[in-house]
Each structure stands twice: as structure tokens, then as C-alpha cells.
C-alpha atoms as a PDB file:
ATOM      1  CA  LYS A   1      12.396 -21.738 -29.356  1.00  0.00           C
ATOM      2  CA  ILE A   2      15.802 -22.892 -28.267  1.00  0.00           C
ATOM      3  CA  LYS A   3      18.543 -22.333 -30.822  1.00  0.00           C
ATOM      4  CA  SER A   4      21.561 -24.655 -30.952  1.00  0.00           C
ATOM      5  CA  GLY A   5      23.917 -21.673 -30.533  1.00  0.00           C
ATOM      6  CA  GLN A   6      22.455 -21.079 -27.037  1.00  0.00           C
ATOM      7  CA  ILE A   7      23.420 -24.547 -25.790  1.00  0.00           C
ATOM      8  CA  LYS A   8      26.699 -25.457 -24.100  1.00  0.00           C
ATOM      9  CA  THR A   9      25.805 -29.119 -23.449  1.00  0.00           C
ATOM     10  CA  ARG A  10      22.782 -31.284 -24.213  1.00  0.00           C
ATOM     11  CA  MET A  11      21.954 -34.866 -23.300  1.00  0.00           C
ATOM     12  CA  ILE A  12      18.825 -36.664 -24.511  1.00  0.00           C
ATOM     13  CA  LYS A  13      17.735 -40.068 -23.243  1.00  0.00           C
ATOM     14  CA  LYS A  14      14.657 -42.265 -23.352  1.00  0.00           C
ATOM     15  CA  ASP A  15      12.599 -41.925 -20.166  1.00  0.00           C
ATOM     16  CA  TRP A  16      10.917 -45.318 -19.822  1.00  0.00           C
ATOM     17  CA  LYS A  17       9.092 -44.332 -16.631  1.00  0.00           C
ATOM     18  CA  MET A  18       7.355 -41.290 -18.156  1.00  0.00           C
ATOM     19  CA  GLY A  19       6.923 -42.816 -21.601  1.00  0.00           C
ATOM     20  CA  GLY A  20       8.890 -40.144 -23.413  1.00  0.00           C
ATOM     21  CA  TYR A  21      12.249 -38.433 -23.322  1.00  0.00           C
ATOM     22  CA  LEU A  22      14.345 -36.468 -20.853  1.00  0.00           C
ATOM     23  CA  THR A  23      16.590 -33.700 -22.156  1.00  0.00           C
ATOM     24  CA  LYS A  24      19.207 -32.054 -19.950  1.00  0.00           C
ATOM     25  CA  ILE A  25      20.552 -28.711 -21.187  1.00  0.00           C
ATOM     26  CA  VAL A  26      23.143 -26.243 -19.928  1.00  0.00           C
ATOM     27  CA  PHE A  27      22.772 -22.864 -21.617  1.00  0.00           C
ATOM     28  CA  LYS A  28      25.810 -20.744 -22.448  1.00  0.00           C
ATOM     29  CA  ASP A  29      24.238 -17.710 -20.760  1.00  0.00           C
ATOM     30  CA  ASP A  30      23.125 -19.576 -17.602  1.00  0.00           C
ATOM     31  CA  LEU A  31      25.976 -21.971 -16.776  1.00  0.00           C
ATOM     32  CA  LYS A  32      25.075 -22.381 -13.086  1.00  0.00           C
ATOM     33  CA  LEU A  33      21.738 -24.101 -13.815  1.00  0.00           C
ATOM     34  CA  LYS A  34      21.044 -27.478 -15.416  1.00  0.00           C
ATOM     35  CA  TYR A  35      17.666 -27.451 -17.143  1.00  0.00           C
ATOM     36  CA  GLU A  36      15.704 -30.682 -17.479  1.00  0.00           C
ATOM     37  CA  TYR A  37      12.921 -30.867 -20.042  1.00  0.00           C
ATOM     38  CA  SER A  38      10.759 -33.936 -19.643  1.00  0.00           C
ATOM     39  CA  TYR A  39       7.800 -35.327 -21.522  1.00  0.00           C
ATOM     40  CA  ASP A  40       5.004 -37.120 -19.656  1.00  0.00           C
ATOM     41  CA  GLU A  41       2.393 -38.737 -21.896  1.00  0.00           C
ATOM     42  CA  ARG A  42       0.340 -39.950 -18.910  1.00  0.00           C
ATOM     43  CA  ILE A  43      -1.200 -36.526 -18.230  1.00  0.00           C
ATOM     44  CA  ASP A  44      -4.014 -35.535 -20.584  1.00  0.00           C
ATOM     45  CA  LEU A  45      -2.896 -31.995 -21.412  1.00  0.00           C
ATOM     46  CA  PRO A  46      -1.602 -30.612 -24.687  1.00  0.00           C
ATOM     47  CA  TYR A  47       2.178 -30.402 -24.914  1.00  0.00           C
ATOM     48  CA  HIS A  48       3.212 -32.598 -22.006  1.00  0.00           C
ATOM     49  CA  ILE A  49       6.640 -30.941 -21.659  1.00  0.00           C
ATOM     50  CA  TYR A  50       7.787 -29.754 -18.249  1.00  0.00           C
ATOM     51  CA  VAL A  51      10.934 -27.911 -17.222  1.00  0.00           C
ATOM     52  CA  SER A  52      12.898 -28.041 -13.979  1.00  0.00           C
ATOM     53  CA  ALA A  53      16.210 -26.362 -13.229  1.00  0.00           C
ATOM     54  CA  PHE A  54      18.819 -27.492 -10.739  1.00  0.00           C
ATOM     55  CA  LYS A  55      21.753 -25.711  -9.124  1.00  0.00           C
ATOM     56  CA  ASP A  56      24.133 -27.902  -7.130  1.00  0.00           C
ATOM     57  CA  GLY A  57      21.412 -30.584  -7.021  1.00  0.00           C
ATOM     58  CA  SER A  58      18.718 -28.250  -5.620  1.00  0.00           C
ATOM     59  CA  SER A  59      15.601 -27.433  -7.587  1.00  0.00           C
ATOM     60  CA  GLN A  60      15.167 -23.762  -8.505  1.00  0.00           C
ATOM     61  CA  GLU A  61      11.991 -21.696  -8.639  1.00  0.00           C
ATOM     62  CA  ASP A  62      10.665 -20.381 -11.973  1.00  0.00           C
ATOM     63  CA  ASN A  63      11.788 -16.830 -11.152  1.00  0.00           C
ATOM     64  CA  GLN A  64      15.380 -18.083 -10.693  1.00  0.00           C
ATOM     65  CA  MET A  65      15.510 -19.533 -14.219  1.00  0.00           C
ATOM     66  CA  LYS A  66      16.763 -17.392 -17.066  1.00  0.00           C
ATOM     67  CA  HIS A  67      14.971 -19.580 -19.630  1.00  0.00           C
ATOM     68  CA  PRO A  68      11.211 -20.018 -19.172  1.00  0.00           C
ATOM     69  CA  PRO A  69       9.258 -23.210 -19.822  1.00  0.00           C
ATOM     70  CA  LEU A  70       8.657 -24.014 -23.481  1.00  0.00           C
ATOM     71  CA  GLN A  71       5.675 -22.287 -24.999  1.00  0.00           C
ATOM     72  CA  GLU A  72       3.061 -23.982 -27.187  1.00  0.00           C
ATOM     73  CA  GLN A  73       4.485 -24.496 -30.659  1.00  0.00           C
ATOM     74  CA  ASN A  74       2.397 -24.284 -33.810  1.00  0.00           C
ATOM     75  CA  ASN A  75       3.417 -26.517 -36.722  1.00  0.00           C
END
């Protein structure tokens, strides 16, 4: 889980194309990367949340990200 104390900046907006929301986060401990969490309801998988990270506009590989994709959450 992401705790609010880990976040430097956060922007949430409605993503009309994907049918959900797009959240952009910069973490205090990983200031060089901008993480984008997006929800895509069109794909029939549980938990349709995906993460991408960008440095200077270039996409980064998973092993370059300090924060991994979100794990399945139980209510």
C-alpha cells in the first residue's frame, strides 16, 4: 500500500479513454521518476491497475522502478 507520507506530489484525473482514472505520483524517495497508475476497465482481468514510470519523458523498465506495481488488495 502507498502511504500519504511517501508522496511528494499526486495528481488524479478522469481518464475518459480508458474508462477510469489516471493517477500521477512522485515519491519522496524516488524523485527522478514520475509514476503513472492507470485503470483500464476494458480488459477482463481482476484489478485493472497498471503502472508505468517515466524519467525525462522516457518509459522505465520494472527493474528501474523503486516502487513495484500495486499488489492485489483484499477488502
